[in-house]
PDB file of N, CA and C in Angstrom:
ATOM      1  N   UNK A   1       1.027 -26.838  28.101  1.00  0.00           N
ATOM      2  CA  UNK A   1       1.621 -27.135  26.820  1.00  0.00           C
ATOM      3  C   UNK A   1       1.500 -25.921  25.904  1.00  0.00           C
ATOM      4  N   UNK A   2       2.577 -25.527  25.293  1.00  0.00           N
ATOM      5  CA  UNK A   2       2.624 -24.380  24.398  1.00  0.00           C
ATOM      6  C   UNK A   2       2.257 -24.822  22.987  1.00  0.00           C
ATOM      7  N   UNK A   3       1.337 -24.082  22.346  1.00  0.00           N
ATOM      8  CA  UNK A   3       0.926 -24.407  20.985  1.00  0.00           C
ATOM      9  C   UNK A   3       1.975 -23.917  19.995  1.00  0.00           C
ATOM     10  N   UNK A   4       2.304 -24.770  19.054  1.00  0.00           N
ATOM     11  CA  UNK A   4       3.227 -24.414  17.975  1.00  0.00           C
ATOM     12  C   UNK A   4       2.416 -23.797  16.831  1.00  0.00           C
ATOM     13  N   UNK A   5       2.978 -22.798  16.225  1.00  0.00           N
ATOM     14  CA  UNK A   5       2.300 -22.151  15.100  1.00  0.00           C
ATOM     15  C   UNK A   5       2.781 -22.774  13.796  1.00  0.00           C
ATOM     16  N   UNK A   6       1.870 -23.394  13.053  1.00  0.00           N
ATOM     17  CA  UNK A   6       2.270 -23.974  11.759  1.00  0.00           C
ATOM     18  C   UNK A   6       2.612 -22.858  10.776  1.00  0.00           C
ATOM     19  N   UNK A   7       3.244 -23.195   9.675  1.00  0.00           N
ATOM     20  CA  UNK A   7       3.580 -22.165   8.668  1.00  0.00           C
ATOM     21  C   UNK A   7       2.327 -21.397   8.246  1.00  0.00           C
ATOM     22  N   UNK A   8       2.364 -20.090   8.445  1.00  0.00           N
ATOM     23  CA  UNK A   8       1.179 -19.267   8.195  1.00  0.00           C
ATOM     24  C   UNK A   8       0.797 -19.208   6.720  1.00  0.00           C
ATOM     25  N   UNK A   9       1.794 -19.139   5.851  1.00  0.00           N
ATOM     26  CA  UNK A   9       1.482 -19.089   4.423  1.00  0.00           C
ATOM     27  C   UNK A   9       0.814 -20.386   3.969  1.00  0.00           C
ATOM     28  N   UNK A  10       1.308 -21.515   4.453  1.00  0.00           N
ATOM     29  CA  UNK A  10       0.713 -22.804   4.086  1.00  0.00           C
ATOM     30  C   UNK A  10      -0.742 -22.879   4.556  1.00  0.00           C
ATOM     31  N   UNK A  11      -0.986 -22.424   5.780  1.00  0.00           N
ATOM     32  CA  UNK A  11      -2.355 -22.436   6.309  1.00  0.00           C
ATOM     33  C   UNK A  11      -3.248 -21.506   5.496  1.00  0.00           C
ATOM     34  N   UNK A  12      -2.731 -20.336   5.146  1.00  0.00           N
ATOM     35  CA  UNK A  12      -3.510 -19.388   4.346  1.00  0.00           C
ATOM     36  C   UNK A  12      -3.852 -19.998   2.990  1.00  0.00           C
ATOM     37  N   UNK A  13      -2.866 -20.632   2.358  1.00  0.00           N
ATOM     38  CA  UNK A  13      -3.113 -21.271   1.065  1.00  0.00           C
ATOM     39  C   UNK A  13      -4.197 -22.341   1.167  1.00  0.00           C
ATOM     40  N   UNK A  14      -4.140 -23.132   2.219  1.00  0.00           N
ATOM     41  CA  UNK A  14      -5.168 -24.166   2.411  1.00  0.00           C
ATOM     42  C   UNK A  14      -6.547 -23.546   2.569  1.00  0.00           C
ATOM     43  N   UNK A  15      -6.614 -22.494   3.353  1.00  0.00           N
ATOM     44  CA  UNK A  15      -7.921 -21.861   3.606  1.00  0.00           C
ATOM     45  C   UNK A  15      -8.500 -21.177   2.369  1.00  0.00           C
ATOM     46  N   UNK A  16      -7.639 -20.660   1.501  1.00  0.00           N
ATOM     47  CA  UNK A  16      -8.120 -19.881   0.365  1.00  0.00           C
ATOM     48  C   UNK A  16      -8.063 -20.604  -0.979  1.00  0.00           C
ATOM     49  N   UNK A  17      -7.197 -21.596  -1.107  1.00  0.00           N
ATOM     50  CA  UNK A  17      -7.061 -22.260  -2.402  1.00  0.00           C
ATOM     51  C   UNK A  17      -7.153 -23.777  -2.291  1.00  0.00           C
ATOM     52  N   UNK A  18      -7.346 -24.266  -1.088  1.00  0.00           N
ATOM     53  CA  UNK A  18      -7.412 -25.712  -0.892  1.00  0.00           C
ATOM     54  C   UNK A  18      -8.712 -26.290  -1.412  1.00  0.00           C
ATOM     55  N   UNK A  19      -8.795 -27.610  -1.391  1.00  0.00           N
ATOM     56  CA  UNK A  19     -10.027 -28.261  -1.849  1.00  0.00           C
ATOM     57  C   UNK A  19     -11.228 -27.773  -1.034  1.00  0.00           C
ATOM     58  N   UNK A  20     -12.296 -27.465  -1.703  1.00  0.00           N
ATOM     59  CA  UNK A  20     -13.474 -26.917  -1.019  1.00  0.00           C
ATOM     60  C   UNK A  20     -14.114 -27.932  -0.069  1.00  0.00           C
ATOM     61  N   UNK A  21     -14.041 -29.174  -0.453  1.00  0.00           N
ATOM     62  CA  UNK A  21     -14.661 -30.215   0.364  1.00  0.00           C
ATOM     63  C   UNK A  21     -13.884 -30.409   1.656  1.00  0.00           C
ATOM     64  N   UNK A  22     -14.518 -30.176   2.761  1.00  0.00           N
ATOM     65  CA  UNK A  22     -13.930 -30.392   4.085  1.00  0.00           C
ATOM     66  C   UNK A  22     -12.669 -29.564   4.316  1.00  0.00           C
ATOM     67  N   UNK A  23     -12.644 -28.360   3.818  1.00  0.00           N
ATOM     68  CA  UNK A  23     -11.477 -27.484   3.936  1.00  0.00           C
ATOM     69  C   UNK A  23     -11.119 -27.223   5.392  1.00  0.00           C
ATOM     70  N   UNK A  24     -12.102 -26.872   6.200  1.00  0.00           N
ATOM     71  CA  UNK A  24     -11.830 -26.557   7.605  1.00  0.00           C
ATOM     72  C   UNK A  24     -11.324 -27.774   8.372  1.00  0.00           C
ATOM     73  N   UNK A  25     -11.893 -28.931   8.094  1.00  0.00           N
ATOM     74  CA  UNK A  25     -11.446 -30.125   8.803  1.00  0.00           C
ATOM     75  C   UNK A  25     -10.027 -30.506   8.389  1.00  0.00           C
ATOM     76  N   UNK A  26      -9.659 -30.266   7.131  1.00  0.00           N
ATOM     77  CA  UNK A  26      -8.298 -30.536   6.680  1.00  0.00           C
ATOM     78  C   UNK A  26      -7.308 -29.637   7.412  1.00  0.00           C
ATOM     79  N   UNK A  27      -7.619 -28.353   7.496  1.00  0.00           N
ATOM     80  CA  UNK A  27      -6.746 -27.417   8.217  1.00  0.00           C
ATOM     81  C   UNK A  27      -6.641 -27.840   9.683  1.00  0.00           C
ATOM     82  N   UNK A  28      -7.752 -28.226  10.279  1.00  0.00           N
ATOM     83  CA  UNK A  28      -7.743 -28.662  11.670  1.00  0.00           C
ATOM     84  C   UNK A  28      -6.929 -29.931  11.889  1.00  0.00           C
ATOM     85  N   UNK A  29      -7.077 -30.890  10.991  1.00  0.00           N
ATOM     86  CA  UNK A  29      -6.316 -32.136  11.104  1.00  0.00           C
ATOM     87  C   UNK A  29      -4.818 -31.895  10.974  1.00  0.00           C
ATOM     88  N   UNK A  30      -4.429 -31.061  10.024  1.00  0.00           N
ATOM     89  CA  UNK A  30      -3.012 -30.753   9.870  1.00  0.00           C
ATOM     90  C   UNK A  30      -2.476 -30.012  11.098  1.00  0.00           C
ATOM     91  N   UNK A  31      -3.282 -29.117  11.638  1.00  0.00           N
ATOM     92  CA  UNK A  31      -2.880 -28.395  12.846  1.00  0.00           C
ATOM     93  C   UNK A  31      -2.652 -29.366  14.006  1.00  0.00           C
ATOM     94  N   UNK A  32      -3.572 -30.299  14.179  1.00  0.00           N
ATOM     95  CA  UNK A  32      -3.434 -31.281  15.262  1.00  0.00           C
ATOM     96  C   UNK A  32      -2.176 -32.127  15.093  1.00  0.00           C
ATOM     97  N   UNK A  33      -1.921 -32.587  13.886  1.00  0.00           N
ATOM     98  CA  UNK A  33      -0.718 -33.384  13.636  1.00  0.00           C
ATOM     99  C   UNK A  33       0.539 -32.557  13.874  1.00  0.00           C
ATOM    100  N   UNK A  34       0.499 -31.302  13.506  1.00  0.00           N
ATOM    101  CA  UNK A  34       1.646 -30.418  13.733  1.00  0.00           C
ATOM    102  C   UNK A  34       1.896 -30.253  15.225  1.00  0.00           C
ATOM    103  N   UNK A  35       0.827 -30.165  15.990  1.00  0.00           N
ATOM    104  CA  UNK A  35       0.962 -30.045  17.448  1.00  0.00           C
ATOM    105  C   UNK A  35       1.543 -31.319  18.060  1.00  0.00           C
ATOM    106  N   UNK A  36       1.333 -32.441  17.415  1.00  0.00           N
ATOM    107  CA  UNK A  36       1.860 -33.717  17.908  1.00  0.00           C
ATOM    108  C   UNK A  36       3.339 -33.909  17.566  1.00  0.00           C
ATOM    109  N   UNK A  37       3.932 -32.941  16.872  1.00  0.00           N
ATOM    110  CA  UNK A  37       5.358 -33.020  16.625  1.00  0.00           C
ATOM    111  C   UNK A  37       5.782 -33.134  15.179  1.00  0.00           C
ATOM    112  N   UNK A  38       4.837 -33.122  14.265  1.00  0.00           N
ATOM    113  CA  UNK A  38       5.227 -33.175  12.850  1.00  0.00           C
ATOM    114  C   UNK A  38       6.037 -31.924  12.500  1.00  0.00           C
ATOM    115  N   UNK A  39       6.873 -32.036  11.478  1.00  0.00           N
ATOM    116  CA  UNK A  39       7.764 -30.935  11.120  1.00  0.00           C
ATOM    117  C   UNK A  39       7.085 -29.931  10.188  1.00  0.00           C
ATOM    118  N   UNK A  40       7.746 -28.775  10.038  1.00  0.00           N
ATOM    119  CA  UNK A  40       7.260 -27.764   9.095  1.00  0.00           C
ATOM    120  C   UNK A  40       7.299 -28.322   7.670  1.00  0.00           C
ATOM    121  N   UNK A  41       8.333 -29.089   7.361  1.00  0.00           N
ATOM    122  CA  UNK A  41       8.429 -29.711   6.039  1.00  0.00           C
ATOM    123  C   UNK A  41       7.260 -30.641   5.771  1.00  0.00           C
ATOM    124  N   UNK A  42       6.889 -31.411   6.793  1.00  0.00           N
ATOM    125  CA  UNK A  42       5.736 -32.310   6.657  1.00  0.00           C
ATOM    126  C   UNK A  42       4.477 -31.493   6.410  1.00  0.00           C
ATOM    127  N   UNK A  43       4.300 -30.409   7.135  1.00  0.00           N
ATOM    128  CA  UNK A  43       3.113 -29.549   6.994  1.00  0.00           C
ATOM    129  C   UNK A  43       3.037 -29.000   5.566  1.00  0.00           C
ATOM    130  N   UNK A  44       4.167 -28.517   5.044  1.00  0.00           N
ATOM    131  CA  UNK A  44       4.201 -28.002   3.679  1.00  0.00           C
ATOM    132  C   UNK A  44       3.922 -29.110   2.669  1.00  0.00           C
ATOM    133  N   UNK A  45       4.468 -30.280   2.909  1.00  0.00           N
ATOM    134  CA  UNK A  45       4.240 -31.402   1.991  1.00  0.00           C
ATOM    135  C   UNK A  45       2.749 -31.731   1.922  1.00  0.00           C
ATOM    136  N   UNK A  46       2.099 -31.782   3.069  1.00  0.00           N
ATOM    137  CA  UNK A  46       0.663 -32.068   3.100  1.00  0.00           C
ATOM    138  C   UNK A  46      -0.138 -30.952   2.430  1.00  0.00           C
ATOM    139  N   UNK A  47       0.293 -29.710   2.658  1.00  0.00           N
ATOM    140  CA  UNK A  47      -0.396 -28.569   2.050  1.00  0.00           C
ATOM    141  C   UNK A  47      -0.305 -28.630   0.532  1.00  0.00           C
ATOM    142  N   UNK A  48       0.895 -28.841   0.016  1.00  0.00           N
ATOM    143  CA  UNK A  48       1.075 -28.902  -1.434  1.00  0.00           C
ATOM    144  C   UNK A  48       0.340 -30.092  -2.040  1.00  0.00           C
ATOM    145  N   UNK A  49       0.328 -31.193  -1.334  1.00  0.00           N
ATOM    146  CA  UNK A  49      -0.407 -32.361  -1.812  1.00  0.00           C
ATOM    147  C   UNK A  49      -1.899 -32.061  -1.919  1.00  0.00           C
ATOM    148  N   UNK A  50      -2.453 -31.400  -0.900  1.00  0.00           N
ATOM    149  CA  UNK A  50      -3.879 -31.048  -0.920  1.00  0.00           C
ATOM    150  C   UNK A  50      -4.179 -30.062  -2.042  1.00  0.00           C
ATOM    151  N   UNK A  51      -3.292 -29.084  -2.243  1.00  0.00           N
ATOM    152  CA  UNK A  51      -3.510 -28.099  -3.305  1.00  0.00           C
ATOM    153  C   UNK A  51      -3.460 -28.752  -4.682  1.00  0.00           C
ATOM    154  N   UNK A  52      -2.501 -29.644  -4.887  1.00  0.00           N
ATOM    155  CA  UNK A  52      -2.394 -30.329  -6.175  1.00  0.00           C
ATOM    156  C   UNK A  52      -3.568 -31.269  -6.428  1.00  0.00           C
ATOM    157  N   UNK A  53      -4.023 -31.918  -5.374  1.00  0.00           N
ATOM    158  CA  UNK A  53      -5.187 -32.799  -5.513  1.00  0.00           C
ATOM    159  C   UNK A  53      -6.416 -31.988  -5.901  1.00  0.00           C
ATOM    160  N   UNK A  54      -6.608 -30.853  -5.249  1.00  0.00           N
ATOM    161  CA  UNK A  54      -7.734 -29.981  -5.587  1.00  0.00           C
ATOM    162  C   UNK A  54      -7.646 -29.457  -7.004  1.00  0.00           C
ATOM    163  N   UNK A  55      -6.436 -29.118  -7.424  1.00  0.00           N
ATOM    164  CA  UNK A  55      -6.230 -28.632  -8.779  1.00  0.00           C
ATOM    165  C   UNK A  55      -6.504 -29.731  -9.797  1.00  0.00           C
ATOM    166  N   UNK A  56      -6.072 -30.945  -9.477  1.00  0.00           N
ATOM    167  CA  UNK A  56      -6.291 -32.073 -10.387  1.00  0.00           C
ATOM    168  C   UNK A  56      -7.789 -32.337 -10.579  1.00  0.00           C
ATOM    169  N   UNK A  57      -8.568 -32.078  -9.565  1.00  0.00           N
ATOM    170  CA  UNK A  57     -10.015 -32.298  -9.663  1.00  0.00           C
ATOM    171  C   UNK A  57     -10.674 -31.168 -10.446  1.00  0.00           C
ATOM    172  N   UNK A  58     -10.246 -29.918 -10.205  1.00  0.00           N
ATOM    173  CA  UNK A  58     -10.896 -28.768 -10.840  1.00  0.00           C
ATOM    174  C   UNK A  58     -10.404 -28.505 -12.254  1.00  0.00           C
ATOM    175  N   UNK A  59      -9.145 -28.771 -12.538  1.00  0.00           N
ATOM    176  CA  UNK A  59      -8.572 -28.418 -13.822  1.00  0.00           C
ATOM    177  C   UNK A  59      -9.268 -29.089 -15.011  1.00  0.00           C
ATOM    178  N   UNK A  60      -9.554 -30.403 -14.962  1.00  0.00           N
ATOM    179  CA  UNK A  60     -10.229 -31.008 -16.124  1.00  0.00           C
ATOM    180  C   UNK A  60     -11.581 -30.356 -16.425  1.00  0.00           C
ATOM    181  N   UNK A  61     -12.326 -29.970 -15.408  1.00  0.00           N
ATOM    182  CA  UNK A  61     -13.615 -29.317 -15.637  1.00  0.00           C
ATOM    183  C   UNK A  61     -13.412 -27.969 -16.318  1.00  0.00           C
ATOM    184  N   UNK A  62     -12.394 -27.237 -15.872  1.00  0.00           N
ATOM    185  CA  UNK A  62     -12.097 -25.934 -16.457  1.00  0.00           C
ATOM    186  C   UNK A  62     -11.681 -26.084 -17.919  1.00  0.00           C
ATOM    187  N   UNK A  63     -10.772 -27.012 -18.176  1.00  0.00           N
ATOM    188  CA  UNK A  63     -10.283 -27.237 -19.544  1.00  0.00           C
ATOM    189  C   UNK A  63     -11.430 -27.664 -20.450  1.00  0.00           C
ATOM    190  N   UNK A  64     -12.268 -28.576 -19.983  1.00  0.00           N
ATOM    191  CA  UNK A  64     -13.407 -29.034 -20.782  1.00  0.00           C
ATOM    192  C   UNK A  64     -14.334 -27.868 -21.093  1.00  0.00           C
ATOM    193  N   UNK A  65     -14.583 -27.030 -20.128  1.00  0.00           N
ATOM    194  CA  UNK A  65     -15.451 -25.875 -20.320  1.00  0.00           C
ATOM    195  C   UNK A  65     -14.871 -24.934 -21.374  1.00  0.00           C
ATOM    196  N   UNK A  66     -13.572 -24.663 -21.288  1.00  0.00           N
ATOM    197  CA  UNK A  66     -12.930 -23.777 -22.263  1.00  0.00           C
ATOM    198  C   UNK A  66     -12.970 -24.397 -23.656  1.00  0.00           C
ATOM    199  N   UNK A  67     -12.640 -25.680 -23.768  1.00  0.00           N
ATOM    200  CA  UNK A  67     -12.640 -26.353 -25.069  1.00  0.00           C
ATOM    201  C   UNK A  67     -14.035 -26.330 -25.687  1.00  0.00           C
ATOM    202  N   UNK A  68     -15.052 -26.626 -24.890  1.00  0.00           N
ATOM    203  CA  UNK A  68     -16.420 -26.608 -25.419  1.00  0.00           C
ATOM    204  C   UNK A  68     -16.818 -25.222 -25.897  1.00  0.00           C
ATOM    205  N   UNK A  69     -16.464 -24.195 -25.141  1.00  0.00           N
ATOM    206  CA  UNK A  69     -16.805 -22.829 -25.560  1.00  0.00           C
ATOM    207  C   UNK A  69     -16.116 -22.461 -26.867  1.00  0.00           C
ATOM    208  N   UNK A  70     -14.843 -22.812 -26.979  1.00  0.00           N
ATOM    209  CA  UNK A  70     -14.107 -22.516 -28.208  1.00  0.00           C
ATOM    210  C   UNK A  70     -14.733 -23.250 -29.388  1.00  0.00           C
ATOM    211  N   UNK A  71     -15.066 -24.523 -29.205  1.00  0.00           N
ATOM    212  CA  UNK A  71     -15.671 -25.299 -30.300  1.00  0.00           C
ATOM    213  C   UNK A  71     -17.019 -24.715 -30.719  1.00  0.00           C
ATOM    214  N   UNK A  72     -17.810 -24.303 -29.754  1.00  0.00           N
ATOM    215  CA  UNK A  72     -19.110 -23.706 -30.081  1.00  0.00           C
ATOM    216  C   UNK A  72     -18.920 -22.405 -30.855  1.00  0.00           C
ATOM    217  N   UNK A  73     -17.991 -21.565 -30.398  1.00  0.00           N
ATOM    218  CA  UNK A  73     -17.756 -20.299 -31.095  1.00  0.00           C
ATOM    219  C   UNK A  73     -17.197 -20.527 -32.495  1.00  0.00           C
ATOM    220  N   UNK A  74     -16.297 -21.496 -32.635  1.00  0.00           N
ATOM    221  CA  UNK A  74     -15.787 -21.826 -33.968  1.00  0.00           C
ATOM    222  C   UNK A  74     -16.900 -22.329 -34.883  1.00  0.00           C
ATOM    223  N   UNK A  75     -17.795 -23.134 -34.323  1.00  0.00           N
ATOM    224  CA  UNK A  75     -18.933 -23.623 -35.112  1.00  0.00           C
ATOM    225  C   UNK A  75     -19.815 -22.491 -35.597  1.00  0.00           C
ATOM    226  N   UNK A  76     -20.028 -21.513 -34.734  1.00  0.00           N
ATOM    227  CA  UNK A  76     -20.845 -20.359 -35.132  1.00  0.00           C
ATOM    228  C   UNK A  76     -20.139 -19.565 -36.229  1.00  0.00           C
ATOM    229  N   UNK A  77     -18.846 -19.350 -36.077  1.00  0.00           N
ATOM    230  CA  UNK A  77     -18.092 -18.587 -37.078  1.00  0.00           C
ATOM    231  C   UNK A  77     -18.057 -19.324 -38.413  1.00  0.00           C
ATOM    232  N   UNK A  78     -17.712 -20.607 -38.360  1.00  0.00           N
ATOM    233  CA  UNK A  78     -17.633 -21.395 -39.601  1.00  0.00           C
ATOM    234  C   UNK A  78     -19.006 -21.482 -40.254  1.00  0.00           C
ATOM    235  N   UNK A  79     -20.043 -21.652 -39.461  1.00  0.00           N
ATOM    236  CA  UNK A  79     -21.399 -21.690 -40.015  1.00  0.00           C
ATOM    237  C   UNK A  79     -21.783 -20.380 -40.664  1.00  0.00           C
ATOM    238  N   UNK A  80     -21.405 -19.272 -40.059  1.00  0.00           N
ATOM    239  CA  UNK A  80     -21.694 -17.957 -40.644  1.00  0.00           C
ATOM    240  C   UNK A  80     -20.957 -17.742 -41.950  1.00  0.00           C
ATOM    241  N   UNK A  81     -19.682 -18.155 -41.957  1.00  0.00           N
ATOM    242  CA  UNK A  81     -18.896 -18.024 -43.189  1.00  0.00           C
ATOM    243  C   UNK A  81     -19.481 -18.910 -44.290  1.00  0.00           C
ATOM    244  N   UNK A  82     -19.837 -20.148 -43.931  1.00  0.00           N
ATOM    245  CA  UNK A  82     -20.400 -21.069 -44.923  1.00  0.00           C
ATOM    246  C   UNK A  82     -21.707 -20.526 -45.479  1.00  0.00           C
ATOM    247  N   UNK A  83     -22.511 -19.959 -44.596  1.00  0.00           N
ATOM    248  CA  UNK A  83     -23.785 -19.392 -45.045  1.00  0.00           C
ATOM    249  C   UNK A  83     -23.549 -18.197 -45.960  1.00  0.00           C
ATOM    250  N   UNK A  84     -22.583 -17.370 -45.621  1.00  0.00           N
ATOM    251  CA  UNK A  84     -22.291 -16.194 -46.438  1.00  0.00           C
ATOM    252  C   UNK A  84     -21.731 -16.594 -47.800  1.00  0.00           C
ATOM    253  N   UNK A  85     -21.009 -17.689 -47.871  1.00  0.00           N
ATOM    254  CA  UNK A  85     -20.386 -18.130 -49.116  1.00  0.00           C
ATOM    255  C   UNK A  85     -21.288 -19.040 -49.939  1.00  0.00           C
ATOM    256  N   UNK A  86     -22.400 -19.433 -49.379  1.00  0.00           N
ATOM    257  CA  UNK A  86     -23.272 -20.372 -50.094  1.00  0.00           C
ATOM    258  C   UNK A  86     -23.964 -19.676 -51.264  1.00  0.00           C
ATOM    259  N   UNK A  87     -24.492 -20.478 -52.130  1.00  0.00           N
ATOM    260  CA  UNK A  87     -25.172 -19.959 -53.316  1.00  0.00           C
ATOM    261  C   UNK A  87     -26.674 -19.862 -53.062  1.00  0.00           C
ATOM    262  N   UNK A  88     -27.049 -19.120 -52.059  1.00  0.00           N
ATOM    263  CA  UNK A  88     -28.469 -18.932 -51.757  1.00  0.00           C
ATOM    264  C   UNK A  88     -29.024 -17.917 -52.754  1.00  0.00           C
ATOM    265  N   UNK A  89     -30.114 -18.252 -53.425  1.00  0.00           N
ATOM    266  CA  UNK A  89     -30.705 -17.304 -54.377  1.00  0.00           C
ATOM    267  C   UNK A  89     -31.055 -15.977 -53.695  1.00  0.00           C
ATOM    268  N   UNK A  90     -30.885 -14.894 -54.429  1.00  0.00           N
ATOM    269  CA  UNK A  90     -31.085 -13.560 -53.872  1.00  0.00           C
ATOM    270  C   UNK A  90     -32.503 -13.349 -53.344  1.00  0.00           C
ATOM    271  N   UNK A  91     -33.510 -13.946 -53.980  1.00  0.00           N
ATOM    272  CA  UNK A  91     -34.879 -13.707 -53.515  1.00  0.00           C
ATOM    273  C   UNK A  91     -35.107 -14.300 -52.119  1.00  0.00           C
ATOM    274  N   UNK A  92     -34.308 -15.315 -51.697  1.00  0.00           N
ATOM    275  CA  UNK A  92     -34.421 -15.838 -50.330  1.00  0.00           C
ATOM    276  C   UNK A  92     -33.785 -14.889 -49.337  1.00  0.00           C
ATOM    277  N   UNK A  93     -32.750 -14.203 -49.753  1.00  0.00           N
ATOM    278  CA  UNK A  93     -32.059 -13.275 -48.860  1.00  0.00           C
ATOM    279  C   UNK A  93     -32.851 -11.999 -48.631  1.00  0.00           C
ATOM    280  N   UNK A  94     -33.731 -11.628 -49.581  1.00  0.00           N
ATOM    281  CA  UNK A  94     -34.513 -10.407 -49.435  1.00  0.00           C
ATOM    282  C   UNK A  94     -35.466 -10.473 -48.256  1.00  0.00           C
ATOM    283  N   UNK A  95     -35.936 -11.681 -47.920  1.00  0.00           N
ATOM    284  CA  UNK A  95     -36.834 -11.841 -46.766  1.00  0.00           C
ATOM    285  C   UNK A  95     -36.105 -11.585 -45.455  1.00  0.00           C
ATOM    286  N   UNK A  96     -34.801 -11.841 -45.443  1.00  0.00           N
ATOM    287  CA  UNK A  96     -34.022 -11.683 -44.225  1.00  0.00           C
ATOM    288  C   UNK A  96     -33.723 -10.215 -43.970  1.00  0.00           C
ATOM    289  N   UNK A  97     -33.527  -9.434 -45.014  1.00  0.00           N
ATOM    290  CA  UNK A  97     -33.150  -8.010 -44.861  1.00  0.00           C
ATOM    291  C   UNK A  97     -34.265  -7.176 -44.397  1.00  0.00           C
TER     292      UNK A  97
END
Protein backbone atom coordinates (compact mmCIF):
# COMPACT_ATOMS: atom_id res chain seq x y z
CA UNK A 1 0.00 0.00 0.00
CA UNK A 2 1.36 3.40 -1.01
CA UNK A 3 1.21 6.15 1.62
CA UNK A 4 -0.53 9.36 0.59
CA UNK A 5 1.12 12.60 1.59
CA UNK A 6 -1.29 14.98 3.34
CA UNK A 7 -1.05 18.71 2.60
CA UNK A 8 2.38 19.70 3.89
CA UNK A 9 1.46 23.26 4.81
CA UNK A 10 -1.53 22.07 6.85
CA UNK A 11 0.66 19.56 8.70
CA UNK A 12 3.31 22.21 9.34
CA UNK A 13 0.68 24.60 10.71
CA UNK A 14 -0.62 21.91 13.05
CA UNK A 15 2.85 21.09 14.31
CA UNK A 16 3.85 24.72 14.88
CA UNK A 17 0.64 26.59 15.67
CA UNK A 18 -1.83 23.90 16.64
CA UNK A 19 -3.18 23.32 20.12
CA UNK A 20 -0.33 22.35 22.43
CA UNK A 21 -2.35 19.66 24.14
CA UNK A 22 -1.88 16.36 22.32
CA UNK A 23 -0.44 18.04 19.23
CA UNK A 24 1.44 14.96 18.01
CA UNK A 25 -1.53 12.66 18.48
CA UNK A 26 -3.76 15.09 16.55
CA UNK A 27 -1.33 15.13 13.62
CA UNK A 28 -1.12 11.33 13.78
CA UNK A 29 -4.89 10.89 13.88
CA UNK A 30 -5.40 13.18 10.91
CA UNK A 31 -2.67 11.35 9.01
CA UNK A 32 -4.34 8.00 9.67
CA UNK A 33 -7.73 9.27 8.53
CA UNK A 34 -6.13 10.73 5.41
CA UNK A 35 -4.59 7.35 4.66
CA UNK A 36 -8.05 5.78 4.95
CA UNK A 37 -9.26 7.91 2.06
CA UNK A 38 -10.28 11.27 3.47
CA UNK A 39 -9.84 14.17 1.06
CA UNK A 40 -7.38 17.05 1.10
CA UNK A 41 -10.33 19.37 1.74
CA UNK A 42 -11.29 17.32 4.78
CA UNK A 43 -7.69 17.48 6.05
CA UNK A 44 -7.63 21.27 5.67
CA UNK A 45 -11.03 21.59 7.34
CA UNK A 46 -9.81 19.61 10.35
CA UNK A 47 -6.57 21.62 10.45
CA UNK A 48 -8.36 24.97 10.41
CA UNK A 49 -10.83 23.76 13.01
CA UNK A 50 -7.99 22.72 15.34
CA UNK A 51 -6.18 26.03 14.80
CA UNK A 52 -9.31 28.06 15.52
CA UNK A 53 -10.10 26.00 18.60
CA UNK A 54 -6.58 26.57 19.92
CA UNK A 55 -6.85 30.27 19.19
CA UNK A 56 -10.21 30.47 20.94
CA UNK A 57 -8.64 28.98 24.06
CA UNK A 58 -5.49 31.14 24.03
CA UNK A 59 -6.92 34.46 22.85
CA UNK A 60 -9.04 35.28 25.94
CA UNK A 61 -6.01 34.76 28.20
CA UNK A 62 -3.92 37.04 25.99
CA UNK A 63 -6.59 39.74 25.85
CA UNK A 64 -7.14 39.59 29.62
CA UNK A 65 -3.40 39.89 30.20
CA UNK A 66 -3.14 42.93 27.92
CA UNK A 67 -6.20 44.61 29.46
CA UNK A 68 -4.90 44.07 32.99
CA UNK A 69 -1.49 45.49 32.10
CA UNK A 70 -3.02 48.56 30.49
CA UNK A 71 -5.30 49.14 33.50
CA UNK A 72 -2.39 48.82 35.92
CA UNK A 73 -0.26 51.24 33.92
CA UNK A 74 -3.15 53.71 33.65
CA UNK A 75 -3.65 53.46 37.40
CA UNK A 76 -0.01 54.27 37.99
CA UNK A 77 -0.13 57.24 35.61
CA UNK A 78 -3.39 58.61 36.99
CA UNK A 79 -2.15 58.12 40.55
CA UNK A 80 1.07 59.98 39.76
CA UNK A 81 -0.82 62.84 38.15
CA UNK A 82 -3.26 63.01 41.08
CA UNK A 83 -0.39 63.04 43.54
CA UNK A 84 1.41 65.77 41.60
CA UNK A 85 -1.76 67.89 41.46
CA UNK A 86 -2.72 67.39 45.08
CA UNK A 87 -2.36 70.08 47.68
CA UNK A 88 0.33 68.37 49.73
CA UNK A 89 2.04 70.88 52.02
CA UNK A 90 5.59 71.70 50.92
CA UNK A 91 7.17 70.55 54.20
CA UNK A 92 5.91 66.97 53.46
CA UNK A 93 7.50 67.04 50.03
CA UNK A 94 10.90 68.10 51.41
CA UNK A 95 11.31 64.68 53.06
CA UNK A 96 10.88 63.00 49.69
CA UNK A 97 13.54 65.08 47.89
